Amino acid sequence: MIRVVIADDQTLVRSGFRMILEPEQDIEVVADVGDGAAAVTAAAALRPDVMLMDIRMPLMDGIEATRRIMRGDHPPQILVLTTFDLDEFVFEALRAGASAFLLKDASADQLVSAIRVAADGGSPFVPLLTSLLIDRFSRVTGSTSPPELAELTDREREVLVLVARGHSNAEIAQRLVVTDHTVKTHIARILAKLGLRNRTQAVIVAYESALVTPHQL
């Protein structure tokens, strides 16, 4: 069972998501909250698998809430809810540790699919859209390559580039002629060496380090 917490300051939005998710046999909405501080408390108390996190909320915004939740033990996968896709606030939420972003006008099928993919450890994003977002704001922030990037092996750098280009584990395995398990092992080592929480943060590092750019997709 996938345990989900919904964090959004609009009651109608929370109710709408509940109506979509509650009929799903493999998803359980364990709480819905209206501000970022309550989201942090719910994450610690309920240990959900996935959180739907609005960015603009009272008391504490979704970016700071995401940052605090990701500092905890066994943090959930966080899907940021947004009205605008190419938004600097969305980029900052991804940097803070969110797995992906989801437009509030996404279809019911897209919402359910994104939750399932996130719960399984994947990053349910559209590669081109995410790459445009990361490319736009990583250049604005002027970030530089982390020194830990030099610790990656040639194969790990190759896997990182393929992840950043939006390839799934199965696609990477086929391309490199290895097993899915081997790809997962490479990704786990990449995240550990770079001190990252998820694939999306790895994609951000790849773009900020100029290992890949949107036109290479």
Protein backbone atom coordinates (compact mmCIF):
# COMPACT_ATOMS: atom_id res chain seq x y z
CA MET A 1 0.00 0.00 0.00
CA ILE A 2 1.35 3.44 -0.99
CA ARG A 3 0.81 5.89 1.87
CA VAL A 4 0.25 9.46 0.69
CA VAL A 5 0.08 12.85 2.43
CA ILE A 6 -1.41 15.83 0.57
CA ALA A 7 -0.11 19.30 1.49
CA ASP A 8 -1.96 22.23 -0.12
CA ASP A 9 -3.49 25.37 1.36
CA GLN A 10 -6.61 25.07 -0.80
CA THR A 11 -9.27 22.82 0.70
CA LEU A 12 -10.86 22.15 -2.68
CA VAL A 13 -7.55 20.98 -4.13
CA ARG A 14 -6.98 18.58 -1.23
CA SER A 15 -10.52 17.26 -1.52
CA GLY A 16 -10.15 16.81 -5.26
CA PHE A 17 -6.96 14.81 -4.90
CA ARG A 18 -8.59 12.66 -2.22
CA MET A 19 -11.52 11.89 -4.51
CA ILE A 20 -9.09 10.78 -7.22
CA LEU A 21 -6.83 8.70 -5.00
CA GLU A 22 -9.14 7.01 -2.52
CA PRO A 23 -10.71 4.59 -5.06
CA GLU A 24 -7.23 3.24 -5.91
CA GLN A 25 -6.71 -0.06 -4.11
CA ASP A 26 -2.95 0.38 -3.78
CA ILE A 27 -3.00 3.99 -2.52
CA GLU A 28 -4.04 5.27 0.89
CA VAL A 29 -4.31 8.98 1.74
CA VAL A 30 -3.19 9.03 5.37
CA ALA A 31 -3.53 12.80 5.87
CA ASP A 32 -4.06 16.13 4.16
CA VAL A 33 -2.69 19.37 5.59
CA GLY A 34 -2.91 23.06 4.71
CA ASP A 35 0.56 24.49 5.38
CA GLY A 36 4.23 23.61 5.19
CA ALA A 37 4.79 23.33 8.93
CA ALA A 38 1.98 20.79 9.20
CA ALA A 39 3.50 18.92 6.25
CA VAL A 40 6.81 18.56 8.10
CA THR A 41 5.00 17.29 11.19
CA ALA A 42 2.91 14.84 9.15
CA ALA A 43 5.98 13.48 7.37
CA ALA A 44 7.71 12.75 10.69
CA ALA A 45 4.65 11.31 12.40
CA LEU A 46 3.07 9.28 9.59
CA ARG A 47 6.11 8.22 7.52
CA PRO A 48 4.29 8.38 4.15
CA ASP A 49 5.79 6.93 1.00
CA VAL A 50 4.83 9.92 -1.17
CA MET A 51 3.89 13.52 -0.43
CA LEU A 52 2.07 15.89 -2.77
CA MET A 53 3.55 19.27 -1.85
CA ASP A 54 2.21 22.66 -2.89
CA ILE A 55 4.89 25.34 -3.14
CA ARG A 56 3.04 28.44 -1.98
CA MET A 57 1.58 27.78 1.47
CA PRO A 58 1.25 29.80 4.69
CA LEU A 59 3.51 29.48 7.76
CA MET A 60 6.14 27.63 5.73
CA ASP A 61 6.36 27.27 1.96
CA GLY A 62 6.74 23.96 0.18
CA ILE A 63 10.41 24.54 -0.60
CA GLU A 64 11.43 24.92 3.04
CA ALA A 65 9.10 22.10 4.05
CA THR A 66 10.73 19.84 1.46
CA ARG A 67 14.19 20.84 2.66
CA ARG A 68 13.34 19.99 6.28
CA ILE A 69 11.60 16.74 5.43
CA MET A 70 14.58 15.58 3.38
CA ARG A 71 16.84 16.04 6.41
CA GLY A 72 14.86 13.41 8.31
CA ASP A 73 15.32 9.67 8.42
CA HIS A 74 13.76 7.77 5.52
CA PRO A 75 12.12 10.80 3.87
CA PRO A 76 9.23 10.23 1.45
CA GLN A 77 9.27 10.88 -2.26
CA ILE A 78 7.95 14.41 -2.75
CA LEU A 79 5.98 15.51 -5.80
CA VAL A 80 5.74 19.29 -6.01
CA LEU A 81 2.38 20.70 -7.06
CA THR A 82 2.54 23.75 -9.30
CA THR A 83 0.45 25.84 -11.66
CA PHE A 84 3.42 26.93 -13.77
CA ASP A 85 5.95 24.43 -15.11
CA LEU A 86 8.95 26.66 -15.91
CA ASP A 87 9.02 28.28 -12.48
CA GLU A 88 12.08 29.18 -10.42
CA PHE A 89 10.28 28.02 -7.27
CA VAL A 90 9.79 24.58 -8.81
CA PHE A 91 13.50 24.43 -9.59
CA GLU A 92 14.36 25.32 -5.99
CA ALA A 93 12.02 22.61 -4.74
CA LEU A 94 13.81 20.07 -6.95
CA ARG A 95 17.14 21.28 -5.58
CA ALA A 96 15.74 20.84 -2.07
CA GLY A 97 15.06 17.18 -2.77
CA ALA A 98 11.67 16.85 -4.47
CA SER A 99 11.52 13.93 -6.88
CA ALA A 100 9.52 15.72 -9.55
CA PHE A 101 6.87 18.33 -10.16
CA LEU A 102 3.27 17.82 -11.15
CA LEU A 103 0.99 20.40 -12.73
CA LYS A 104 -2.20 20.97 -10.76
CA ASP A 105 -4.24 20.52 -13.91
CA ALA A 106 -2.74 17.09 -14.58
CA SER A 107 -5.25 14.36 -15.35
CA ALA A 108 -6.33 11.82 -12.76
CA ASP A 109 -4.39 9.10 -14.60
CA GLN A 110 -1.23 11.25 -14.62
CA LEU A 111 -1.54 11.90 -10.88
CA VAL A 112 -2.00 8.23 -10.00
CA SER A 113 0.79 7.16 -12.34
CA ALA A 114 3.20 9.77 -10.93
CA ILE A 115 2.55 8.58 -7.38
CA ARG A 116 3.15 4.96 -8.30
CA VAL A 117 6.37 5.73 -10.17
CA ALA A 118 7.64 7.91 -7.30
CA ALA A 119 6.79 5.26 -4.71
CA ASP A 120 8.81 2.77 -6.73
CA GLY A 121 11.83 5.05 -6.56
CA GLY A 122 11.54 6.53 -10.03
CA SER A 123 11.29 10.14 -11.13
CA PRO A 124 7.98 10.71 -12.91
CA PHE A 125 8.93 13.71 -15.01
CA VAL A 126 8.80 14.70 -18.64
CA PRO A 127 12.51 14.75 -19.63
CA LEU A 128 12.33 17.66 -22.09
CA LEU A 129 10.25 19.90 -19.83
CA THR A 130 12.40 19.17 -16.80
CA SER A 131 15.60 19.71 -18.78
CA LEU A 132 14.36 23.13 -19.93
CA LEU A 133 13.49 24.04 -16.35
CA ILE A 134 16.86 22.92 -14.99
CA ASP A 135 18.82 24.47 -17.84
CA ARG A 136 17.10 27.83 -17.42
CA PHE A 137 17.57 28.19 -13.69
CA SER A 138 20.86 26.35 -13.18
CA ARG A 139 22.44 28.95 -15.49
CA VAL A 140 20.78 31.74 -13.51
CA THR A 141 22.13 30.46 -10.20
CA GLY A 142 25.62 30.09 -11.65
CA SER A 143 26.28 26.83 -9.84
CA THR A 144 29.54 24.99 -10.39
CA SER A 145 30.42 21.33 -10.57
CA PRO A 146 30.74 19.63 -7.17
CA PRO A 147 34.26 18.30 -6.51
CA GLU A 148 32.73 14.89 -5.74
CA LEU A 149 31.97 14.55 -9.46
CA ALA A 150 35.63 13.60 -9.97
CA GLU A 151 35.06 10.51 -7.80
CA LEU A 152 32.71 8.97 -10.36
CA THR A 153 34.06 6.23 -12.59
CA ASP A 154 33.76 6.57 -16.36
CA ARG A 155 30.83 4.14 -16.37
CA GLU A 156 29.09 6.05 -13.55
CA ARG A 157 29.45 9.31 -15.47
CA GLU A 158 28.02 7.58 -18.53
CA VAL A 159 25.03 6.37 -16.50
CA LEU A 160 24.55 9.85 -15.01
CA VAL A 161 24.39 11.39 -18.48
CA LEU A 162 21.82 8.82 -19.61
CA VAL A 163 19.72 9.45 -16.49
CA ALA A 164 19.87 13.19 -17.19
CA ARG A 165 18.69 12.56 -20.75
CA GLY A 166 15.57 10.93 -19.35
CA HIS A 167 16.32 7.27 -19.97
CA SER A 168 14.71 4.67 -17.71
CA ASN A 169 16.74 1.98 -15.95
CA ALA A 170 15.59 -0.56 -18.54
CA GLU A 171 16.64 1.71 -21.42
CA ILE A 172 20.03 2.34 -19.83
CA ALA A 173 20.54 -1.38 -19.26
CA GLN A 174 19.73 -2.12 -22.89
CA ARG A 175 22.01 0.62 -24.15
CA LEU A 176 24.96 -0.45 -21.99
CA VAL A 177 24.23 -4.19 -22.34
CA VAL A 178 23.99 -4.77 -18.59
CA THR A 179 21.21 -5.87 -16.24
CA ASP A 180 18.65 -3.58 -14.59
CA HIS A 181 20.21 -4.50 -11.24
CA THR A 182 23.61 -3.28 -12.43
CA VAL A 183 22.09 0.04 -13.49
CA LYS A 184 20.39 0.43 -10.09
CA THR A 185 23.74 -0.27 -8.42
CA HIS A 186 25.46 2.38 -10.53
CA ILE A 187 22.76 4.94 -9.71
CA ALA A 188 22.93 4.15 -6.00
CA ARG A 189 26.70 4.69 -6.06
CA ILE A 190 26.32 7.95 -7.99
CA LEU A 191 23.85 9.28 -5.44
CA ALA A 192 26.05 8.18 -2.53
CA LYS A 193 29.23 9.70 -3.96
CA LEU A 194 27.51 13.01 -4.76
CA GLY A 195 25.54 13.10 -1.50
CA LEU A 196 22.20 13.21 -3.30
CA ARG A 197 18.76 11.88 -2.40
CA ASN A 198 17.24 11.03 -5.76
CA ARG A 199 17.56 10.91 -9.54
CA THR A 200 16.21 14.41 -10.02
CA GLN A 201 18.99 15.94 -7.93
CA ALA A 202 21.43 13.90 -10.02
CA VAL A 203 19.91 15.38 -13.18
CA ILE A 204 20.40 18.88 -11.76
CA VAL A 205 24.07 18.14 -11.05
CA ALA A 206 24.51 16.82 -14.59
CA TYR A 207 23.13 20.04 -16.08
CA GLU A 208 24.95 22.36 -13.70
CA SER A 209 28.17 20.52 -14.49
CA ALA A 210 27.51 20.77 -18.25
CA LEU A 211 27.65 17.00 -18.63
CA VAL A 212 24.45 17.28 -20.66
CA THR A 213 22.37 20.09 -22.18
CA PRO A 214 18.78 20.12 -23.50
CA HIS A 215 19.75 19.95 -27.17
CA GLN A 216 21.45 16.60 -26.51
CA LEU A 217 18.15 14.88 -25.63
